[in-house]
Amino acid sequence: MAPFDGGEPTRQRWMPARRSISKPDETASHFASAPLDAAVADLVQVKGCRWKIEECFQSAKNECGLDP
């Protein structure tokens, strides 16, 4: 999805980063796109949900025998 719709911005780009508590020298980051009115708290909440979804996919792959 393009960040512009007819010349007016409709979305903003973010690059959130997180630091590991157990390994403070390690950071992970990714690119994100969100509506103009999105707050940092919104991005954190969505990012937190991602790991639950990843775990569900991994469990399903294990149960179906698709994980090598």
PDB file of N, CA and C in Angstrom:
ATOM      1  N   MET A   1       0.844  -1.173   0.000  1.00  0.00           N
ATOM      2  CA  MET A   1       0.000   0.000   0.000  1.00  0.00           C
ATOM      3  C   MET A   1       0.891   1.238   0.000  1.00  0.00           C
ATOM      4  N   ALA A   2       0.578   2.153  -0.862  1.00  0.00           N
ATOM      5  CA  ALA A   2       1.361   3.381  -0.962  1.00  0.00           C
ATOM      6  C   ALA A   2       1.080   4.292   0.227  1.00  0.00           C
ATOM      7  N   PRO A   3       2.082   5.038   0.684  1.00  0.00           N
ATOM      8  CA  PRO A   3       1.868   5.928   1.827  1.00  0.00           C
ATOM      9  C   PRO A   3       1.065   7.164   1.469  1.00  0.00           C
ATOM     10  N   PHE A   4       0.822   7.394   0.169  1.00  0.00           N
ATOM     11  CA  PHE A   4       0.094   8.588  -0.255  1.00  0.00           C
ATOM     12  C   PHE A   4      -1.131   8.183  -1.051  1.00  0.00           C
ATOM     13  N   ASP A   5      -2.180   8.948  -0.906  1.00  0.00           N
ATOM     14  CA  ASP A   5      -3.408   8.717  -1.646  1.00  0.00           C
ATOM     15  C   ASP A   5      -3.795  10.038  -2.297  1.00  0.00           C
ATOM     16  N   GLY A   6      -3.387  10.240  -3.528  1.00  0.00           N
ATOM     17  CA  GLY A   6      -3.734  11.455  -4.224  1.00  0.00           C
ATOM     18  C   GLY A   6      -2.983  12.692  -3.768  1.00  0.00           C
ATOM     19  N   GLY A   7      -1.790  12.552  -3.235  1.00  0.00           N
ATOM     20  CA  GLY A   7      -1.000  13.703  -2.843  1.00  0.00           C
ATOM     21  C   GLY A   7      -1.012  14.010  -1.356  1.00  0.00           C
ATOM     22  N   GLU A   8      -2.027  13.614  -0.646  1.00  0.00           N
ATOM     23  CA  GLU A   8      -2.095  13.836   0.799  1.00  0.00           C
ATOM     24  C   GLU A   8      -1.644  12.572   1.525  1.00  0.00           C
ATOM     25  N   PRO A   9      -0.746  12.681   2.480  1.00  0.00           N
ATOM     26  CA  PRO A   9      -0.318  11.489   3.224  1.00  0.00           C
ATOM     27  C   PRO A   9      -1.488  10.868   3.984  1.00  0.00           C
ATOM     28  N   THR A  10      -1.571   9.549   3.930  1.00  0.00           N
ATOM     29  CA  THR A  10      -2.609   8.821   4.660  1.00  0.00           C
ATOM     30  C   THR A  10      -2.012   7.903   5.720  1.00  0.00           C
ATOM     31  N   ARG A  11      -0.714   7.659   5.629  1.00  0.00           N
ATOM     32  CA  ARG A  11      -0.051   6.751   6.566  1.00  0.00           C
ATOM     33  C   ARG A  11       1.293   7.336   6.948  1.00  0.00           C
ATOM     34  N   GLN A  12       1.824   6.852   8.059  1.00  0.00           N
ATOM     35  CA  GLN A  12       3.160   7.250   8.492  1.00  0.00           C
ATOM     36  C   GLN A  12       4.037   6.015   8.592  1.00  0.00           C
ATOM     37  N   ARG A  13       5.313   6.181   8.383  1.00  0.00           N
ATOM     38  CA  ARG A  13       6.261   5.070   8.444  1.00  0.00           C
ATOM     39  C   ARG A  13       6.977   5.101   9.782  1.00  0.00           C
ATOM     40  N   TRP A  14       7.186   3.920  10.335  1.00  0.00           N
ATOM     41  CA  TRP A  14       7.853   3.760  11.622  1.00  0.00           C
ATOM     42  C   TRP A  14       8.951   2.737  11.471  1.00  0.00           C
ATOM     43  N   MET A  15       9.910   2.800  12.375  1.00  0.00           N
ATOM     44  CA  MET A  15      10.925   1.755  12.492  1.00  0.00           C
ATOM     45  C   MET A  15      11.113   1.465  13.981  1.00  0.00           C
ATOM     46  N   PRO A  16      10.166   0.706  14.557  1.00  0.00           N
ATOM     47  CA  PRO A  16      10.288   0.380  15.977  1.00  0.00           C
ATOM     48  C   PRO A  16      11.448  -0.577  16.226  1.00  0.00           C
ATOM     49  N   ALA A  17      12.082  -0.419  17.359  1.00  0.00           N
ATOM     50  CA  ALA A  17      13.178  -1.296  17.767  1.00  0.00           C
ATOM     51  C   ALA A  17      12.925  -1.744  19.193  1.00  0.00           C
ATOM     52  N   ARG A  18      13.359  -2.945  19.510  1.00  0.00           N
ATOM     53  CA  ARG A  18      13.228  -3.439  20.884  1.00  0.00           C
ATOM     54  C   ARG A  18      14.556  -4.011  21.320  1.00  0.00           C
ATOM     55  N   ARG A  19      14.777  -3.964  22.606  1.00  0.00           N
ATOM     56  CA  ARG A  19      16.015  -4.461  23.187  1.00  0.00           C
ATOM     57  C   ARG A  19      15.670  -5.627  24.102  1.00  0.00           C
ATOM     58  N   SER A  20      16.474  -6.642  24.070  1.00  0.00           N
ATOM     59  CA  SER A  20      16.287  -7.806  24.923  1.00  0.00           C
ATOM     60  C   SER A  20      16.691  -7.466  26.353  1.00  0.00           C
ATOM     61  N   ILE A  21      15.876  -7.859  27.308  1.00  0.00           N
ATOM     62  CA  ILE A  21      16.204  -7.634  28.715  1.00  0.00           C
ATOM     63  C   ILE A  21      17.391  -8.503  29.122  1.00  0.00           C
ATOM     64  N   SER A  22      17.395  -9.754  28.654  1.00  0.00           N
ATOM     65  CA  SER A  22      18.477 -10.659  29.032  1.00  0.00           C
ATOM     66  C   SER A  22      19.768 -10.400  28.252  1.00  0.00           C
ATOM     67  N   LYS A  23      19.660  -9.802  27.061  1.00  0.00           N
ATOM     68  CA  LYS A  23      20.838  -9.489  26.238  1.00  0.00           C
ATOM     69  C   LYS A  23      20.719  -8.038  25.768  1.00  0.00           C
ATOM     70  N   PRO A  24      21.017  -7.081  26.639  1.00  0.00           N
ATOM     71  CA  PRO A  24      20.795  -5.674  26.304  1.00  0.00           C
ATOM     72  C   PRO A  24      21.603  -5.150  25.118  1.00  0.00           C
ATOM     73  N   ASP A  25      22.632  -5.875  24.708  1.00  0.00           N
ATOM     74  CA  ASP A  25      23.401  -5.444  23.542  1.00  0.00           C
ATOM     75  C   ASP A  25      22.710  -5.804  22.232  1.00  0.00           C
ATOM     76  N   GLU A  26      21.693  -6.663  22.293  1.00  0.00           N
ATOM     77  CA  GLU A  26      20.997  -7.101  21.085  1.00  0.00           C
ATOM     78  C   GLU A  26      19.702  -6.313  20.911  1.00  0.00           C
ATOM     79  N   THR A  27      19.497  -5.831  19.699  1.00  0.00           N
ATOM     80  CA  THR A  27      18.251  -5.147  19.375  1.00  0.00           C
ATOM     81  C   THR A  27      17.646  -5.774  18.125  1.00  0.00           C
ATOM     82  N   ALA A  28      16.358  -5.635  17.992  1.00  0.00           N
ATOM     83  CA  ALA A  28      15.652  -6.094  16.801  1.00  0.00           C
ATOM     84  C   ALA A  28      14.769  -4.954  16.332  1.00  0.00           C
ATOM     85  N   SER A  29      14.706  -4.770  15.024  1.00  0.00           N
ATOM     86  CA  SER A  29      13.871  -3.701  14.493  1.00  0.00           C
ATOM     87  C   SER A  29      13.177  -4.172  13.226  1.00  0.00           C
ATOM     88  N   HIS A  30      12.168  -3.446  12.831  1.00  0.00           N
ATOM     89  CA  HIS A  30      11.447  -3.740  11.601  1.00  0.00           C
ATOM     90  C   HIS A  30      10.783  -2.464  11.108  1.00  0.00           C
ATOM     91  N   PHE A  31      10.320  -2.481   9.886  1.00  0.00           N
ATOM     92  CA  PHE A  31       9.607  -1.340   9.334  1.00  0.00           C
ATOM     93  C   PHE A  31       8.119  -1.564   9.513  1.00  0.00           C
ATOM     94  N   ALA A  32       7.399  -0.478   9.739  1.00  0.00           N
ATOM     95  CA  ALA A  32       5.950  -0.548   9.902  1.00  0.00           C
ATOM     96  C   ALA A  32       5.312   0.658   9.234  1.00  0.00           C
ATOM     97  N   SER A  33       4.076   0.485   8.862  1.00  0.00           N
ATOM     98  CA  SER A  33       3.288   1.560   8.287  1.00  0.00           C
ATOM     99  C   SER A  33       1.977   1.602   9.066  1.00  0.00           C
ATOM    100  N   ALA A  34       1.551   2.804   9.456  1.00  0.00           N
ATOM    101  CA  ALA A  34       0.356   2.932  10.288  1.00  0.00           C
ATOM    102  C   ALA A  34      -0.417   4.186   9.888  1.00  0.00           C
ATOM    103  N   PRO A  35      -1.695   4.228  10.230  1.00  0.00           N
ATOM    104  CA  PRO A  35      -2.467   5.438   9.958  1.00  0.00           C
ATOM    105  C   PRO A  35      -1.843   6.649  10.651  1.00  0.00           C
ATOM    106  N   LEU A  36      -2.119   7.820  10.140  1.00  0.00           N
ATOM    107  CA  LEU A  36      -1.540   9.044  10.691  1.00  0.00           C
ATOM    108  C   LEU A  36      -1.851   9.244  12.168  1.00  0.00           C
ATOM    109  N   ASP A  37      -3.008   8.772  12.620  1.00  0.00           N
ATOM    110  CA  ASP A  37      -3.392   8.997  14.017  1.00  0.00           C
ATOM    111  C   ASP A  37      -2.947   7.885  14.968  1.00  0.00           C
ATOM    112  N   ALA A  38      -2.158   6.937  14.472  1.00  0.00           N
ATOM    113  CA  ALA A  38      -1.681   5.835  15.330  1.00  0.00           C
ATOM    114  C   ALA A  38      -0.657   6.362  16.332  1.00  0.00           C
ATOM    115  N   ALA A  39      -0.733   5.835  17.543  1.00  0.00           N
ATOM    116  CA  ALA A  39       0.212   6.208  18.603  1.00  0.00           C
ATOM    117  C   ALA A  39       1.237   5.085  18.785  1.00  0.00           C
ATOM    118  N   VAL A  40       2.300   5.393  19.461  1.00  0.00           N
ATOM    119  CA  VAL A  40       3.332   4.388  19.748  1.00  0.00           C
ATOM    120  C   VAL A  40       2.717   3.210  20.499  1.00  0.00           C
ATOM    121  N   ALA A  41       1.817   3.484  21.426  1.00  0.00           N
ATOM    122  CA  ALA A  41       1.171   2.409  22.194  1.00  0.00           C
ATOM    123  C   ALA A  41       0.408   1.451  21.282  1.00  0.00           C
ATOM    124  N   ASP A  42      -0.194   1.979  20.222  1.00  0.00           N
ATOM    125  CA  ASP A  42      -0.895   1.117  19.263  1.00  0.00           C
ATOM    126  C   ASP A  42       0.074   0.163  18.577  1.00  0.00           C
ATOM    127  N   LEU A  43       1.221   0.684  18.164  1.00  0.00           N
ATOM    128  CA  LEU A  43       2.216  -0.164  17.501  1.00  0.00           C
ATOM    129  C   LEU A  43       2.760  -1.234  18.438  1.00  0.00           C
ATOM    130  N   VAL A  44       2.987  -0.876  19.683  1.00  0.00           N
ATOM    131  CA  VAL A  44       3.492  -1.840  20.668  1.00  0.00           C
ATOM    132  C   VAL A  44       2.472  -2.954  20.884  1.00  0.00           C
ATOM    133  N   GLN A  45       1.204  -2.594  20.960  1.00  0.00           N
ATOM    134  CA  GLN A  45       0.159  -3.602  21.171  1.00  0.00           C
ATOM    135  C   GLN A  45       0.087  -4.566  19.986  1.00  0.00           C
ATOM    136  N   VAL A  46       0.109  -4.037  18.783  1.00  0.00           N
ATOM    137  CA  VAL A  46       0.053  -4.893  17.596  1.00  0.00           C
ATOM    138  C   VAL A  46       1.296  -5.777  17.512  1.00  0.00           C
ATOM    139  N   LYS A  47       2.454  -5.205  17.792  1.00  0.00           N
ATOM    140  CA  LYS A  47       3.703  -5.978  17.752  1.00  0.00           C
ATOM    141  C   LYS A  47       3.661  -7.136  18.754  1.00  0.00           C
ATOM    142  N   GLY A  48       3.088  -6.886  19.933  1.00  0.00           N
ATOM    143  CA  GLY A  48       2.979  -7.940  20.936  1.00  0.00           C
ATOM    144  C   GLY A  48       2.086  -9.087  20.487  1.00  0.00           C
ATOM    145  N   CYS A  49       1.064  -8.785  19.726  1.00  0.00           N
ATOM    146  CA  CYS A  49       0.151  -9.827  19.220  1.00  0.00           C
ATOM    147  C   CYS A  49       0.825 -10.720  18.197  1.00  0.00           C
ATOM    148  N   ARG A  50       1.791 -10.179  17.507  1.00  0.00           N
ATOM    149  CA  ARG A  50       2.462 -10.943  16.456  1.00  0.00           C
ATOM    150  C   ARG A  50       3.058 -12.234  16.995  1.00  0.00           C
ATOM    151  N   TRP A  51       3.664 -12.176  18.173  1.00  0.00           N
ATOM    152  CA  TRP A  51       4.318 -13.373  18.704  1.00  0.00           C
ATOM    153  C   TRP A  51       3.307 -14.455  19.038  1.00  0.00           C
ATOM    154  N   LYS A  52       2.125 -14.085  19.497  1.00  0.00           N
ATOM    155  CA  LYS A  52       1.079 -15.083  19.757  1.00  0.00           C
ATOM    156  C   LYS A  52       0.670 -15.777  18.465  1.00  0.00           C
ATOM    157  N   ILE A  53       0.563 -14.999  17.401  1.00  0.00           N
ATOM    158  CA  ILE A  53       0.191 -15.559  16.102  1.00  0.00           C
ATOM    159  C   ILE A  53       1.288 -16.486  15.594  1.00  0.00           C
ATOM    160  N   GLU A  54       2.541 -16.073  15.721  1.00  0.00           N
ATOM    161  CA  GLU A  54       3.664 -16.913  15.291  1.00  0.00           C
ATOM    162  C   GLU A  54       3.665 -18.247  16.041  1.00  0.00           C
ATOM    163  N   GLU A  55       3.388 -18.212  17.338  1.00  0.00           N
ATOM    164  CA  GLU A  55       3.340 -19.446  18.131  1.00  0.00           C
ATOM    165  C   GLU A  55       2.215 -20.349  17.666  1.00  0.00           C
ATOM    166  N   CYS A  56       1.066 -19.775  17.316  1.00  0.00           N
ATOM    167  CA  CYS A  56      -0.053 -20.583  16.811  1.00  0.00           C
ATOM    168  C   CYS A  56       0.308 -21.262  15.500  1.00  0.00           C
ATOM    169  N   PHE A  57       0.946 -20.515  14.597  1.00  0.00           N
ATOM    170  CA  PHE A  57       1.377 -21.117  13.329  1.00  0.00           C
ATOM    171  C   PHE A  57       2.376 -22.242  13.576  1.00  0.00           C
ATOM    172  N   GLN A  58       3.318 -22.031  14.467  1.00  0.00           N
ATOM    173  CA  GLN A  58       4.321 -23.058  14.752  1.00  0.00           C
ATOM    174  C   GLN A  58       3.669 -24.313  15.333  1.00  0.00           C
ATOM    175  N   SER A  59       2.727 -24.137  16.243  1.00  0.00           N
ATOM    176  CA  SER A  59       2.024 -25.282  16.826  1.00  0.00           C
ATOM    177  C   SER A  59       1.252 -26.049  15.753  1.00  0.00           C
ATOM    178  N   ALA A  60       0.581 -25.315  14.876  1.00  0.00           N
ATOM    179  CA  ALA A  60      -0.182 -25.968  13.813  1.00  0.00           C
ATOM    180  C   ALA A  60       0.738 -26.753  12.878  1.00  0.00           C
ATOM    181  N   LYS A  61       1.883 -26.177  12.535  1.00  0.00           N
ATOM    182  CA  LYS A  61       2.825 -26.879  11.665  1.00  0.00           C
ATOM    183  C   LYS A  61       3.341 -28.152  12.351  1.00  0.00           C
ATOM    184  N   ASN A  62       3.612 -28.069  13.641  1.00  0.00           N
ATOM    185  CA  ASN A  62       4.071 -29.260  14.371  1.00  0.00           C
ATOM    186  C   ASN A  62       3.007 -30.339  14.390  1.00  0.00           C
ATOM    187  N   GLU A  63       1.765 -29.970  14.632  1.00  0.00           N
ATOM    188  CA  GLU A  63       0.667 -30.950  14.708  1.00  0.00           C
ATOM    189  C   GLU A  63       0.405 -31.595  13.370  1.00  0.00           C
ATOM    190  N   CYS A  64       0.626 -30.880  12.280  1.00  0.00           N
ATOM    191  CA  CYS A  64       0.382 -31.418  10.937  1.00  0.00           C
ATOM    192  C   CYS A  64       1.603 -32.123  10.355  1.00  0.00           C
ATOM    193  N   GLY A  65       2.706 -32.104  11.081  1.00  0.00           N
ATOM    194  CA  GLY A  65       3.923 -32.740  10.594  1.00  0.00           C
ATOM    195  C   GLY A  65       4.612 -31.948   9.498  1.00  0.00           C
ATOM    196  N   LEU A  66       4.388 -30.644   9.445  1.00  0.00           N
ATOM    197  CA  LEU A  66       4.992 -29.829   8.394  1.00  0.00           C
ATOM    198  C   LEU A  66       6.288 -29.166   8.830  1.00  0.00           C
ATOM    199  N   ASP A  67       6.670 -29.323  10.074  1.00  0.00           N
ATOM    200  CA  ASP A  67       7.891 -28.715  10.567  1.00  0.00           C
ATOM    201  C   ASP A  67       9.015 -29.739  10.486  1.00  0.00           C
ATOM    202  N   PRO A  68      10.086 -29.426   9.768  1.00  0.00           N
ATOM    203  CA  PRO A  68      11.171 -30.420   9.606  1.00  0.00           C
ATOM    204  C   PRO A  68      11.904 -30.693  10.897  1.00  0.00           C
TER     205      PRO A  68
END
